[in-house]
Amino acid sequence: MLTATLLGRAWNACDIGVNNAANSNFLLFLFIPGLSTVLLLGWVAMGTLLGNRPFLHAFALAVTLPAVSWFALSLFWSGTTYDCPSGVPSWWPDFLPAPGF
């Protein structure tokens, strides 16, 4: 949910897409279910591969799940627009790198 909220707010701040209704439909009906499915599969894969090792399992999830969310953001994060010439919204903190490749 946090990933979809961040992406929606970035799109809104940079005036990306047709309008807020079109963006929210994509986020609500495609992005959130798709990301939830991928995160669930990652969760199950980590549980299957690591078995009954709780500390290793927790560490792997703490690394894998944010990485999957960052990758999903990177796929849909738009570049430079008129409202965001640097490619990121004005509220984005300088110490965090913007999603992207």
Protein backbone atom coordinates (compact mmCIF):
# COMPACT_ATOMS: atom_id res chain seq x y z
CA MET A 1 0.00 0.00 0.00
CA LEU A 2 2.81 2.41 0.85
CA THR A 3 4.38 1.83 -2.56
CA ALA A 4 1.12 2.63 -4.37
CA THR A 5 0.58 5.73 -2.22
CA LEU A 6 4.09 6.99 -2.92
CA LEU A 7 3.70 6.39 -6.64
CA GLY A 8 0.28 8.06 -6.75
CA ARG A 9 1.51 11.13 -4.86
CA ALA A 10 4.57 11.43 -7.10
CA TRP A 11 2.38 11.23 -10.21
CA ASN A 12 0.02 13.82 -8.78
CA ALA A 13 2.84 16.22 -7.82
CA CYS A 14 4.47 15.96 -11.24
CA ASP A 15 1.17 16.05 -13.17
CA ILE A 16 1.77 12.70 -14.86
CA GLY A 17 -0.99 10.78 -16.59
CA VAL A 18 -4.41 11.69 -17.94
CA ASN A 19 -5.95 12.79 -14.66
CA ASN A 20 -6.16 11.62 -11.06
CA ALA A 21 -9.11 9.33 -11.81
CA ALA A 22 -7.23 7.48 -14.54
CA ASN A 23 -4.14 7.14 -12.36
CA SER A 24 -6.13 5.96 -9.36
CA ASN A 25 -7.92 3.30 -11.42
CA PHE A 26 -4.57 1.93 -12.58
CA LEU A 27 -3.17 1.97 -9.05
CA LEU A 28 -6.28 0.47 -7.46
CA PHE A 29 -7.13 -2.25 -9.95
CA LEU A 30 -3.78 -3.20 -11.49
CA PHE A 31 -0.79 -1.98 -9.49
CA ILE A 32 -1.88 -2.92 -5.95
CA PRO A 33 -3.12 -6.45 -6.81
CA GLY A 34 -0.07 -7.09 -8.99
CA LEU A 35 2.38 -5.86 -6.37
CA SER A 36 0.56 -7.78 -3.63
CA THR A 37 0.84 -10.97 -5.67
CA VAL A 38 4.55 -10.48 -6.30
CA LEU A 39 5.22 -9.68 -2.63
CA LEU A 40 3.24 -12.74 -1.53
CA LEU A 41 5.19 -14.95 -3.93
CA GLY A 42 8.43 -13.49 -2.56
CA TRP A 43 7.25 -14.19 0.99
CA VAL A 44 6.38 -17.80 0.12
CA ALA A 45 9.63 -18.31 -1.79
CA MET A 46 11.69 -17.05 1.16
CA GLY A 47 9.77 -19.34 3.52
CA THR A 48 10.25 -22.32 1.23
CA LEU A 49 13.93 -21.74 0.54
CA LEU A 50 14.99 -20.89 4.08
CA GLY A 51 12.74 -23.27 5.99
CA ASN A 52 12.87 -23.18 9.78
CA ARG A 53 15.61 -20.57 10.28
CA PRO A 54 13.74 -17.60 11.76
CA PHE A 55 16.61 -15.08 11.91
CA LEU A 56 17.79 -15.78 8.38
CA HIS A 57 14.19 -15.77 7.18
CA ALA A 58 13.53 -12.38 8.81
CA PHE A 59 16.72 -10.90 7.35
CA ALA A 60 15.94 -12.21 3.85
CA LEU A 61 12.43 -10.74 4.02
CA ALA A 62 13.77 -7.42 5.33
CA VAL A 63 15.99 -7.20 2.24
CA THR A 64 13.80 -8.80 -0.43
CA LEU A 65 10.41 -7.16 0.14
CA PRO A 66 11.65 -3.53 0.09
CA ALA A 67 13.77 -4.37 -2.96
CA VAL A 68 10.69 -5.68 -4.80
CA SER A 69 8.75 -2.55 -3.86
CA TRP A 70 11.62 -0.32 -5.05
CA PHE A 71 11.75 -2.26 -8.34
CA ALA A 72 8.00 -1.79 -8.83
CA LEU A 73 8.34 1.93 -8.18
CA SER A 74 11.22 2.12 -10.62
CA LEU A 75 9.16 0.57 -13.41
CA PHE A 76 6.43 3.20 -13.20
CA TRP A 77 8.33 6.25 -11.90
CA SER A 78 8.26 8.84 -14.67
CA GLY A 79 11.12 11.03 -15.66
CA THR A 80 11.38 14.74 -16.27
CA THR A 81 8.17 16.73 -16.71
CA TYR A 82 7.38 20.43 -16.73
CA ASP A 83 6.28 20.33 -13.08
CA CYS A 84 9.26 18.20 -12.01
CA PRO A 85 12.28 19.23 -14.09
CA SER A 86 14.66 17.20 -11.91
CA GLY A 87 12.53 14.06 -12.38
CA VAL A 88 11.40 13.94 -8.74
CA PRO A 89 8.68 15.86 -6.86
CA SER A 90 9.73 18.86 -4.80
CA TRP A 91 8.85 17.05 -1.55
CA TRP A 92 11.23 14.15 -2.27
CA PRO A 93 14.14 14.20 0.25
CA ASP A 94 17.56 14.89 -1.24
CA PHE A 95 19.30 12.18 0.77
CA LEU A 96 17.18 9.39 -0.82
CA PRO A 97 17.93 8.42 -4.40
CA ALA A 98 14.91 8.62 -6.69
CA PRO A 99 13.52 5.33 -7.95
CA GLY A 100 14.83 4.38 -11.35
CA PHE A 101 17.57 2.52 -13.07
